[in-house]
Amino acid sequence: MKNGFCPKCGSTDVRSGEFLAEKGGGYTGNRIPVNIALLNAAAWLDNYVCVRCGYVESYIADPKRLHEIAERWPAVSTAPPGPPEGVWPPPPTEPMA
């Protein structure tokens, strides 16, 4: 969405909070923890919002925090997704009459 295009609905009416001067101000929830052992170890987010469909994407505002996140957060598995929990195996179908 940084290119001004919404990947969900195709709109070009995308707005950004990237240039807000006070990221901390009254919007202190606009960050993610990087290291919970340190009080001020949070990464501020830049948000992009499609004002047509409401889709939101967030990006780390300070690229220097990406290395710290890579060091502290576990990697997401790249295994192919399995069936949703509680849905497998599928229920049997009744024979056609």
PDB file of N, CA and C in Angstrom:
ATOM      1  N   MET A   1       0.816  -1.203   0.000  1.00  0.00           N
ATOM      2  CA  MET A   1       0.000   0.000   0.000  1.00  0.00           C
ATOM      3  C   MET A   1       0.853   1.259   0.000  1.00  0.00           C
ATOM      4  N   LYS A   2       2.150   1.085   0.225  1.00  0.00           N
ATOM      5  CA  LYS A   2       3.028   2.247   0.189  1.00  0.00           C
ATOM      6  C   LYS A   2       3.024   2.903  -1.183  1.00  0.00           C
ATOM      7  N   ASN A   3       2.597   2.166  -2.205  1.00  0.00           N
ATOM      8  CA  ASN A   3       2.540   2.716  -3.563  1.00  0.00           C
ATOM      9  C   ASN A   3       1.197   3.398  -3.844  1.00  0.00           C
ATOM     10  N   GLY A   4       0.317   3.483  -2.828  1.00  0.00           N
ATOM     11  CA  GLY A   4      -0.959   4.156  -3.011  1.00  0.00           C
ATOM     12  C   GLY A   4      -2.046   3.290  -3.611  1.00  0.00           C
ATOM     13  N   PHE A   5      -1.823   1.982  -3.659  1.00  0.00           N
ATOM     14  CA  PHE A   5      -2.781   1.058  -4.252  1.00  0.00           C
ATOM     15  C   PHE A   5      -3.207   0.034  -3.208  1.00  0.00           C
ATOM     16  N   CYS A   6      -4.512  -0.131  -3.004  1.00  0.00           N
ATOM     17  CA  CYS A   6      -5.023  -1.099  -2.041  1.00  0.00           C
ATOM     18  C   CYS A   6      -5.051  -2.487  -2.674  1.00  0.00           C
ATOM     19  N   PRO A   7      -4.352  -3.474  -2.068  1.00  0.00           N
ATOM     20  CA  PRO A   7      -4.329  -4.814  -2.645  1.00  0.00           C
ATOM     21  C   PRO A   7      -5.632  -5.582  -2.442  1.00  0.00           C
ATOM     22  N   LYS A   8      -6.506  -5.101  -1.597  1.00  0.00           N
ATOM     23  CA  LYS A   8      -7.770  -5.804  -1.324  1.00  0.00           C
ATOM     24  C   LYS A   8      -8.885  -5.387  -2.273  1.00  0.00           C
ATOM     25  N   CYS A   9      -9.051  -4.073  -2.474  1.00  0.00           N
ATOM     26  CA  CYS A   9     -10.188  -3.624  -3.295  1.00  0.00           C
ATOM     27  C   CYS A   9      -9.775  -2.884  -4.562  1.00  0.00           C
ATOM     28  N   GLY A  10      -8.474  -2.576  -4.705  1.00  0.00           N
ATOM     29  CA  GLY A  10      -7.994  -1.913  -5.908  1.00  0.00           C
ATOM     30  C   GLY A  10      -8.083  -0.399  -5.875  1.00  0.00           C
ATOM     31  N   SER A  11      -8.576   0.176  -4.796  1.00  0.00           N
ATOM     32  CA  SER A  11      -8.711   1.627  -4.701  1.00  0.00           C
ATOM     33  C   SER A  11      -7.350   2.304  -4.662  1.00  0.00           C
ATOM     34  N   THR A  12      -7.320   3.532  -5.133  1.00  0.00           N
ATOM     35  CA  THR A  12      -6.114   4.346  -5.004  1.00  0.00           C
ATOM     36  C   THR A  12      -6.310   5.432  -3.949  1.00  0.00           C
ATOM     37  N   ASP A  13      -7.372   5.336  -3.168  1.00  0.00           N
ATOM     38  CA  ASP A  13      -7.630   6.302  -2.099  1.00  0.00           C
ATOM     39  C   ASP A  13      -7.050   5.763  -0.793  1.00  0.00           C
ATOM     40  N   VAL A  14      -5.714   5.763  -0.726  1.00  0.00           N
ATOM     41  CA  VAL A  14      -4.970   5.239   0.416  1.00  0.00           C
ATOM     42  C   VAL A  14      -4.360   6.410   1.161  1.00  0.00           C
ATOM     43  N   ARG A  15      -4.488   6.405   2.484  1.00  0.00           N
ATOM     44  CA  ARG A  15      -3.953   7.481   3.323  1.00  0.00           C
ATOM     45  C   ARG A  15      -2.858   6.926   4.215  1.00  0.00           C
ATOM     46  N   SER A  16      -1.914   7.805   4.597  1.00  0.00           N
ATOM     47  CA  SER A  16      -0.767   7.362   5.389  1.00  0.00           C
ATOM     48  C   SER A  16      -0.571   8.234   6.614  1.00  0.00           C
ATOM     49  N   GLY A  17      -0.232   7.586   7.738  1.00  0.00           N
ATOM     50  CA  GLY A  17       0.143   8.301   8.951  1.00  0.00           C
ATOM     51  C   GLY A  17       1.646   8.385   9.096  1.00  0.00           C
ATOM     52  N   GLU A  18       2.369   8.076   8.027  1.00  0.00           N
ATOM     53  CA  GLU A  18       3.834   8.027   8.060  1.00  0.00           C
ATOM     54  C   GLU A  18       4.460   9.350   8.506  1.00  0.00           C
ATOM     55  N   PHE A  19       3.855  10.451   8.152  1.00  0.00           N
ATOM     56  CA  PHE A  19       4.477  11.743   8.415  1.00  0.00           C
ATOM     57  C   PHE A  19       3.934  12.439   9.659  1.00  0.00           C
ATOM     58  N   LEU A  20       3.215  11.705  10.510  1.00  0.00           N
ATOM     59  CA  LEU A  20       2.745  12.295  11.758  1.00  0.00           C
ATOM     60  C   LEU A  20       3.952  12.638  12.621  1.00  0.00           C
ATOM     61  N   ALA A  21       4.007  13.861  13.100  1.00  0.00           N
ATOM     62  CA  ALA A  21       5.171  14.310  13.868  1.00  0.00           C
ATOM     63  C   ALA A  21       5.256  13.615  15.220  1.00  0.00           C
ATOM     64  N   GLU A  22       4.154  13.455  15.892  1.00  0.00           N
ATOM     65  CA  GLU A  22       4.138  12.884  17.239  1.00  0.00           C
ATOM     66  C   GLU A  22       3.626  11.461  17.212  1.00  0.00           C
ATOM     67  N   LYS A  23       4.478  10.511  16.939  1.00  0.00           N
ATOM     68  CA  LYS A  23       4.030   9.122  16.939  1.00  0.00           C
ATOM     69  C   LYS A  23       3.698   8.662  18.348  1.00  0.00           C
ATOM     70  N   GLY A  24       4.375   9.187  19.345  1.00  0.00           N
ATOM     71  CA  GLY A  24       4.147   8.787  20.732  1.00  0.00           C
ATOM     72  C   GLY A  24       2.928   9.438  21.329  1.00  0.00           C
ATOM     73  N   GLY A  25       2.772  10.710  21.211  1.00  0.00           N
ATOM     74  CA  GLY A  25       1.664  11.506  21.728  1.00  0.00           C
ATOM     75  C   GLY A  25       0.536  10.728  22.364  1.00  0.00           C
ATOM     76  N   GLY A  26      -0.676  10.983  21.961  1.00  0.00           N
ATOM     77  CA  GLY A  26      -1.836  10.294  22.493  1.00  0.00           C
ATOM     78  C   GLY A  26      -2.084   8.943  21.851  1.00  0.00           C
ATOM     79  N   TYR A  27      -1.294   8.588  20.874  1.00  0.00           N
ATOM     80  CA  TYR A  27      -1.492   7.341  20.137  1.00  0.00           C
ATOM     81  C   TYR A  27      -0.425   6.316  20.514  1.00  0.00           C
ATOM     82  N   THR A  28      -0.234   6.100  21.798  1.00  0.00           N
ATOM     83  CA  THR A  28       0.850   5.235  22.250  1.00  0.00           C
ATOM     84  C   THR A  28       0.621   3.779  21.891  1.00  0.00           C
ATOM     85  N   GLY A  29      -0.561   3.399  21.432  1.00  0.00           N
ATOM     86  CA  GLY A  29      -0.804   2.020  21.035  1.00  0.00           C
ATOM     87  C   GLY A  29      -0.331   1.720  19.637  1.00  0.00           C
ATOM     88  N   ASN A  30       0.203   2.711  18.935  1.00  0.00           N
ATOM     89  CA  ASN A  30       0.626   2.532  17.550  1.00  0.00           C
ATOM     90  C   ASN A  30       2.078   2.069  17.483  1.00  0.00           C
ATOM     91  N   ARG A  31       2.364   1.027  18.268  1.00  0.00           N
ATOM     92  CA  ARG A  31       3.702   0.461  18.308  1.00  0.00           C
ATOM     93  C   ARG A  31       3.616  -0.997  18.715  1.00  0.00           C
ATOM     94  N   ILE A  32       4.690  -1.716  18.502  1.00  0.00           N
ATOM     95  CA  ILE A  32       4.755  -3.115  18.920  1.00  0.00           C
ATOM     96  C   ILE A  32       5.977  -3.291  19.810  1.00  0.00           C
ATOM     97  N   PRO A  33       5.893  -4.192  20.788  1.00  0.00           N
ATOM     98  CA  PRO A  33       7.052  -4.414  21.650  1.00  0.00           C
ATOM     99  C   PRO A  33       8.153  -5.149  20.897  1.00  0.00           C
ATOM    100  N   VAL A  34       9.385  -4.737  21.159  1.00  0.00           N
ATOM    101  CA  VAL A  34      10.527  -5.403  20.558  1.00  0.00           C
ATOM    102  C   VAL A  34      11.222  -6.252  21.612  1.00  0.00           C
ATOM    103  N   ASN A  35      11.350  -5.696  22.805  1.00  0.00           N
ATOM    104  CA  ASN A  35      12.019  -6.391  23.908  1.00  0.00           C
ATOM    105  C   ASN A  35      11.273  -6.038  25.186  1.00  0.00           C
ATOM    106  N   ILE A  36      10.518  -6.965  25.722  1.00  0.00           N
ATOM    107  CA  ILE A  36       9.710  -6.646  26.902  1.00  0.00           C
ATOM    108  C   ILE A  36      10.547  -6.464  28.160  1.00  0.00           C
ATOM    109  N   ALA A  37      11.820  -6.842  28.124  1.00  0.00           N
ATOM    110  CA  ALA A  37      12.689  -6.641  29.283  1.00  0.00           C
ATOM    111  C   ALA A  37      13.073  -5.165  29.433  1.00  0.00           C
ATOM    112  N   LEU A  38      13.027  -4.417  28.354  1.00  0.00           N
ATOM    113  CA  LEU A  38      13.351  -2.992  28.392  1.00  0.00           C
ATOM    114  C   LEU A  38      12.071  -2.184  28.266  1.00  0.00           C
ATOM    115  N   LEU A  39      11.911  -1.198  29.136  1.00  0.00           N
ATOM    116  CA  LEU A  39      10.664  -0.430  29.159  1.00  0.00           C
ATOM    117  C   LEU A  39      10.377   0.318  27.868  1.00  0.00           C
ATOM    118  N   ASN A  40      11.399   0.881  27.251  1.00  0.00           N
ATOM    119  CA  ASN A  40      11.172   1.725  26.087  1.00  0.00           C
ATOM    120  C   ASN A  40      11.570   1.032  24.781  1.00  0.00           C
ATOM    121  N   ALA A  41      11.540  -0.281  24.744  1.00  0.00           N
ATOM    122  CA  ALA A  41      11.956  -1.013  23.554  1.00  0.00           C
ATOM    123  C   ALA A  41      10.747  -1.363  22.702  1.00  0.00           C
ATOM    124  N   ALA A  42      10.241  -0.380  21.998  1.00  0.00           N
ATOM    125  CA  ALA A  42       9.094  -0.586  21.132  1.00  0.00           C
ATOM    126  C   ALA A  42       9.414  -0.015  19.756  1.00  0.00           C
ATOM    127  N   ALA A  43       8.809  -0.590  18.745  1.00  0.00           N
ATOM    128  CA  ALA A  43       8.974  -0.097  17.377  1.00  0.00           C
ATOM    129  C   ALA A  43       7.685   0.621  16.975  1.00  0.00           C
ATOM    130  N   TRP A  44       7.823   1.869  16.605  1.00  0.00           N
ATOM    131  CA  TRP A  44       6.672   2.636  16.144  1.00  0.00           C
ATOM    132  C   TRP A  44       6.271   2.167  14.760  1.00  0.00           C
ATOM    133  N   LEU A  45       4.993   2.291  14.457  1.00  0.00           N
ATOM    134  CA  LEU A  45       4.461   1.826  13.183  1.00  0.00           C
ATOM    135  C   LEU A  45       3.987   2.984  12.317  1.00  0.00           C
ATOM    136  N   ASP A  46       4.191   2.849  11.019  1.00  0.00           N
ATOM    137  CA  ASP A  46       3.572   3.729  10.030  1.00  0.00           C
ATOM    138  C   ASP A  46       2.409   2.951   9.442  1.00  0.00           C
ATOM    139  N   ASN A  47       1.240   3.541   9.477  1.00  0.00           N
ATOM    140  CA  ASN A  47       0.036   2.858   9.006  1.00  0.00           C
ATOM    141  C   ASN A  47      -0.446   3.441   7.693  1.00  0.00           C
ATOM    142  N   TYR A  48      -0.937   2.554   6.847  1.00  0.00           N
ATOM    143  CA  TYR A  48      -1.545   2.937   5.575  1.00  0.00           C
ATOM    144  C   TYR A  48      -2.958   2.383   5.587  1.00  0.00           C
ATOM    145  N   VAL A  49      -3.930   3.248   5.282  1.00  0.00           N
ATOM    146  CA  VAL A  49      -5.342   2.878   5.375  1.00  0.00           C
ATOM    147  C   VAL A  49      -6.034   3.148   4.050  1.00  0.00           C
ATOM    148  N   CYS A  50      -6.748   2.153   3.555  1.00  0.00           N
ATOM    149  CA  CYS A  50      -7.609   2.361   2.384  1.00  0.00           C
ATOM    150  C   CYS A  50      -8.919   2.919   2.918  1.00  0.00           C
ATOM    151  N   VAL A  51      -9.263   4.126   2.509  1.00  0.00           N
ATOM    152  CA  VAL A  51     -10.490   4.733   3.030  1.00  0.00           C
ATOM    153  C   VAL A  51     -11.724   4.291   2.252  1.00  0.00           C
ATOM    154  N   ARG A  52     -11.534   3.405   1.294  1.00  0.00           N
ATOM    155  CA  ARG A  52     -12.671   2.822   0.589  1.00  0.00           C
ATOM    156  C   ARG A  52     -13.156   1.553   1.282  1.00  0.00           C
ATOM    157  N   CYS A  53     -12.212   0.628   1.599  1.00  0.00           N
ATOM    158  CA  CYS A  53     -12.634  -0.646   2.185  1.00  0.00           C
ATOM    159  C   CYS A  53     -12.198  -0.825   3.635  1.00  0.00           C
ATOM    160  N   GLY A  54     -11.282   0.025   4.121  1.00  0.00           N
ATOM    161  CA  GLY A  54     -10.852  -0.063   5.509  1.00  0.00           C
ATOM    162  C   GLY A  54      -9.648  -0.955   5.752  1.00  0.00           C
ATOM    163  N   TYR A  55      -9.091  -1.527   4.712  1.00  0.00           N
ATOM    164  CA  TYR A  55      -7.912  -2.379   4.870  1.00  0.00           C
ATOM    165  C   TYR A  55      -6.747  -1.534   5.385  1.00  0.00           C
ATOM    166  N   VAL A  56      -5.942  -2.112   6.311  1.00  0.00           N
ATOM    167  CA  VAL A  56      -4.822  -1.411   6.914  1.00  0.00           C
ATOM    168  C   VAL A  56      -3.561  -2.259   6.798  1.00  0.00           C
ATOM    169  N   GLU A  57      -2.448  -1.624   6.479  1.00  0.00           N
ATOM    170  CA  GLU A  57      -1.135  -2.255   6.540  1.00  0.00           C
ATOM    171  C   GLU A  57      -0.269  -1.399   7.442  1.00  0.00           C
ATOM    172  N   SER A  58       0.589  -2.061   8.226  1.00  0.00           N
ATOM    173  CA  SER A  58       1.506  -1.362   9.120  1.00  0.00           C
ATOM    174  C   SER A  58       2.935  -1.758   8.794  1.00  0.00           C
ATOM    175  N   TYR A  59       3.836  -0.789   8.897  1.00  0.00           N
ATOM    176  CA  TYR A  59       5.252  -1.012   8.631  1.00  0.00           C
ATOM    177  C   TYR A  59       6.058  -0.410   9.771  1.00  0.00           C
ATOM    178  N   ILE A  60       7.181  -1.024  10.099  1.00  0.00           N
ATOM    179  CA  ILE A  60       8.068  -0.506  11.129  1.00  0.00           C
ATOM    180  C   ILE A  60       8.619   0.836  10.642  1.00  0.00           C
ATOM    181  N   ALA A  61       8.454   1.883  11.459  1.00  0.00           N
ATOM    182  CA  ALA A  61       8.868   3.227  11.058  1.00  0.00           C
ATOM    183  C   ALA A  61      10.378   3.391  11.031  1.00  0.00           C
ATOM    184  N   ASP A  62      11.093   2.767  11.951  1.00  0.00           N
ATOM    185  CA  ASP A  62      12.546   2.893  12.039  1.00  0.00           C
ATOM    186  C   ASP A  62      13.186   1.593  11.568  1.00  0.00           C
ATOM    187  N   PRO A  63      13.776   1.571  10.376  1.00  0.00           N
ATOM    188  CA  PRO A  63      14.353   0.341   9.835  1.00  0.00           C
ATOM    189  C   PRO A  63      15.413  -0.292  10.751  1.00  0.00           C
ATOM    190  N   LYS A  64      16.045   0.485  11.637  1.00  0.00           N
ATOM    191  CA  LYS A  64      17.048  -0.070  12.552  1.00  0.00           C
ATOM    192  C   LYS A  64      16.423  -1.077  13.511  1.00  0.00           C
ATOM    193  N   ARG A  65      15.137  -0.969  13.758  1.00  0.00           N
ATOM    194  CA  ARG A  65      14.454  -1.897  14.663  1.00  0.00           C
ATOM    195  C   ARG A  65      14.258  -3.278  14.041  1.00  0.00           C
ATOM    196  N   LEU A  66      14.336  -3.384  12.717  1.00  0.00           N
ATOM    197  CA  LEU A  66      14.126  -4.668  12.047  1.00  0.00           C
ATOM    198  C   LEU A  66      15.165  -5.698  12.467  1.00  0.00           C
ATOM    199  N   HIS A  67      16.408  -5.274  12.629  1.00  0.00           N
ATOM    200  CA  HIS A  67      17.458  -6.202  13.064  1.00  0.00           C
ATOM    201  C   HIS A  67      17.156  -6.701  14.480  1.00  0.00           C
ATOM    202  N   GLU A  68      16.737  -5.816  15.351  1.00  0.00           N
ATOM    203  CA  GLU A  68      16.421  -6.210  16.728  1.00  0.00           C
ATOM    204  C   GLU A  68      15.239  -7.189  16.763  1.00  0.00           C
ATOM    205  N   ILE A  69      14.247  -6.951  15.940  1.00  0.00           N
ATOM    206  CA  ILE A  69      13.106  -7.869  15.859  1.00  0.00           C
ATOM    207  C   ILE A  69      13.568  -9.237  15.340  1.00  0.00           C
ATOM    208  N   ALA A  70      14.419  -9.235  14.326  1.00  0.00           N
ATOM    209  CA  ALA A  70      14.927 -10.498  13.776  1.00  0.00           C
ATOM    210  C   ALA A  70      15.723 -11.279  14.814  1.00  0.00           C
ATOM    211  N   GLU A  71      16.411 -10.581  15.708  1.00  0.00           N
ATOM    212  CA  GLU A  71      17.196 -11.236  16.754  1.00  0.00           C
ATOM    213  C   GLU A  71      16.320 -11.792  17.875  1.00  0.00           C
ATOM    214  N   ARG A  72      15.192 -11.159  18.170  1.00  0.00           N
ATOM    215  CA  ARG A  72      14.414 -11.500  19.356  1.00  0.00           C
ATOM    216  C   ARG A  72      13.127 -12.277  19.089  1.00  0.00           C
ATOM    217  N   TRP A  73      12.549 -12.118  17.930  1.00  0.00           N
ATOM    218  CA  TRP A  73      11.265 -12.761  17.644  1.00  0.00           C
ATOM    219  C   TRP A  73      11.501 -14.079  16.914  1.00  0.00           C
ATOM    220  N   PRO A  74      10.683 -15.098  17.188  1.00  0.00           N
ATOM    221  CA  PRO A  74      10.822 -16.357  16.447  1.00  0.00           C
ATOM    222  C   PRO A  74      10.338 -16.205  15.000  1.00  0.00           C
ATOM    223  N   ALA A  75      10.942 -16.974  14.112  1.00  0.00           N
ATOM    224  CA  ALA A  75      10.532 -16.957  12.702  1.00  0.00           C
ATOM    225  C   ALA A  75       9.200 -17.683  12.543  1.00  0.00           C
ATOM    226  N   VAL A  76       8.441 -17.270  11.563  1.00  0.00           N
ATOM    227  CA  VAL A  76       7.177 -17.919  11.227  1.00  0.00           C
ATOM    228  C   VAL A  76       7.488 -19.116  10.340  1.00  0.00           C
ATOM    229  N   SER A  77       6.836 -20.220  10.587  1.00  0.00           N
ATOM    230  CA  SER A  77       7.064 -21.429   9.814  1.00  0.00           C
ATOM    231  C   SER A  77       6.691 -21.207   8.357  1.00  0.00           C
ATOM    232  N   THR A  78       7.479 -21.786   7.479  1.00  0.00           N
ATOM    233  CA  THR A  78       7.178 -21.694   6.045  1.00  0.00           C
ATOM    234  C   THR A  78       6.540 -22.970   5.529  1.00  0.00           C
ATOM    235  N   ALA A  79       6.113 -23.835   6.450  1.00  0.00           N
ATOM    236  CA  ALA A  79       5.449 -25.077   6.050  1.00  0.00           C
ATOM    237  C   ALA A  79       4.125 -24.742   5.366  1.00  0.00           C
ATOM    238  N   PRO A  80       3.721 -25.554   4.408  1.00  0.00           N
ATOM    239  CA  PRO A  80       2.438 -25.280   3.754  1.00  0.00           C
ATOM    240  C   PRO A  80       1.310 -25.353   4.779  1.00  0.00           C
ATOM    241  N   PRO A  81       0.319 -24.489   4.630  1.00  0.00           N
ATOM    242  CA  PRO A  81      -0.772 -24.483   5.602  1.00  0.00           C
ATOM    243  C   PRO A  81      -1.575 -25.778   5.542  1.00  0.00           C
ATOM    244  N   GLY A  82      -1.974 -26.228   6.689  1.00  0.00           N
ATOM    245  CA  GLY A  82      -2.813 -27.413   6.771  1.00  0.00           C
ATOM    246  C   GLY A  82      -4.277 -27.011   6.829  1.00  0.00           C
ATOM    247  N   PRO A  83      -5.148 -27.973   6.968  1.00  0.00           N
ATOM    248  CA  PRO A  83      -6.574 -27.648   7.065  1.00  0.00           C
ATOM    249  C   PRO A  83      -6.848 -26.917   8.379  1.00  0.00           C
ATOM    250  N   PRO A  84      -7.877 -26.105   8.430  1.00  0.00           N
ATOM    251  CA  PRO A  84      -8.217 -25.414   9.668  1.00  0.00           C
ATOM    252  C   PRO A  84      -8.479 -26.413  10.781  1.00  0.00           C
ATOM    253  N   GLU A  85      -8.122 -26.039  11.979  1.00  0.00           N
ATOM    254  CA  GLU A  85      -8.295 -26.925  13.128  1.00  0.00           C
ATOM    255  C   GLU A  85      -9.772 -27.251  13.320  1.00  0.00           C
ATOM    256  N   GLY A  86     -10.060 -28.517  13.566  1.00  0.00           N
ATOM    257  CA  GLY A  86     -11.428 -28.933  13.809  1.00  0.00           C
ATOM    258  C   GLY A  86     -12.242 -29.201  12.553  1.00  0.00           C
ATOM    259  N   VAL A  87     -11.633 -29.078  11.384  1.00  0.00           N
ATOM    260  CA  VAL A  87     -12.373 -29.269  10.138  1.00  0.00           C
ATOM    261  C   VAL A  87     -11.914 -30.523   9.401  1.00  0.00           C
ATOM    262  N   TRP A  88     -10.828 -31.120   9.831  1.00  0.00           N
ATOM    263  CA  TRP A  88     -10.280 -32.257   9.110  1.00  0.00           C
ATOM    264  C   TRP A  88     -10.433 -33.511   9.926  1.00  0.00           C
ATOM    265  N   PRO A  89     -10.781 -34.609   9.450  1.00  0.00           N
ATOM    266  CA  PRO A  89     -11.142 -34.827   8.046  1.00  0.00           C
ATOM    267  C   PRO A  89     -12.532 -34.262   7.755  1.00  0.00           C
ATOM    268  N   PRO A  90     -12.818 -34.023   6.484  1.00  0.00           N
ATOM    269  CA  PRO A  90     -14.134 -33.475   6.159  1.00  0.00           C
ATOM    270  C   PRO A  90     -15.235 -34.472   6.519  1.00  0.00           C
ATOM    271  N   PRO A  91     -16.422 -33.968   6.820  1.00  0.00           N
ATOM    272  CA  PRO A  91     -17.507 -34.871   7.150  1.00  0.00           C
ATOM    273  C   PRO A  91     -17.872 -35.737   5.946  1.00  0.00           C
ATOM    274  N   PRO A  92     -18.291 -36.977   6.182  1.00  0.00           N
ATOM    275  CA  PRO A  92     -18.641 -37.847   5.052  1.00  0.00           C
ATOM    276  C   PRO A  92     -19.866 -37.312   4.329  1.00  0.00           C
ATOM    277  N   THR A  93     -19.901 -37.542   3.045  1.00  0.00           N
ATOM    278  CA  THR A  93     -21.065 -37.120   2.261  1.00  0.00           C
ATOM    279  C   THR A  93     -22.010 -38.291   2.121  1.00  0.00           C
ATOM    280  N   GLU A  94     -23.275 -37.983   2.030  1.00  0.00           N
ATOM    281  CA  GLU A  94     -24.258 -39.058   1.874  1.00  0.00           C
ATOM    282  C   GLU A  94     -24.291 -39.482   0.415  1.00  0.00           C
ATOM    283  N   PRO A  95     -24.473 -40.772   0.148  1.00  0.00           N
ATOM    284  CA  PRO A  95     -24.519 -41.232  -1.241  1.00  0.00           C
ATOM    285  C   PRO A  95     -25.711 -40.616  -1.970  1.00  0.00           C
ATOM    286  N   MET A  96     -25.515 -40.355  -3.233  1.00  0.00           N
ATOM    287  CA  MET A  96     -26.600 -39.772  -4.043  1.00  0.00           C
ATOM    288  C   MET A  96     -27.641 -40.831  -4.338  1.00  0.00           C
ATOM    289  N   ALA A  97     -28.880 -40.447  -4.310  1.00  0.00           N
ATOM    290  CA  ALA A  97     -29.982 -41.387  -4.565  1.00  0.00           C
ATOM    291  C   ALA A  97     -30.255 -41.532  -6.031  1.00  0.00           C
TER     292      ALA A  97
END
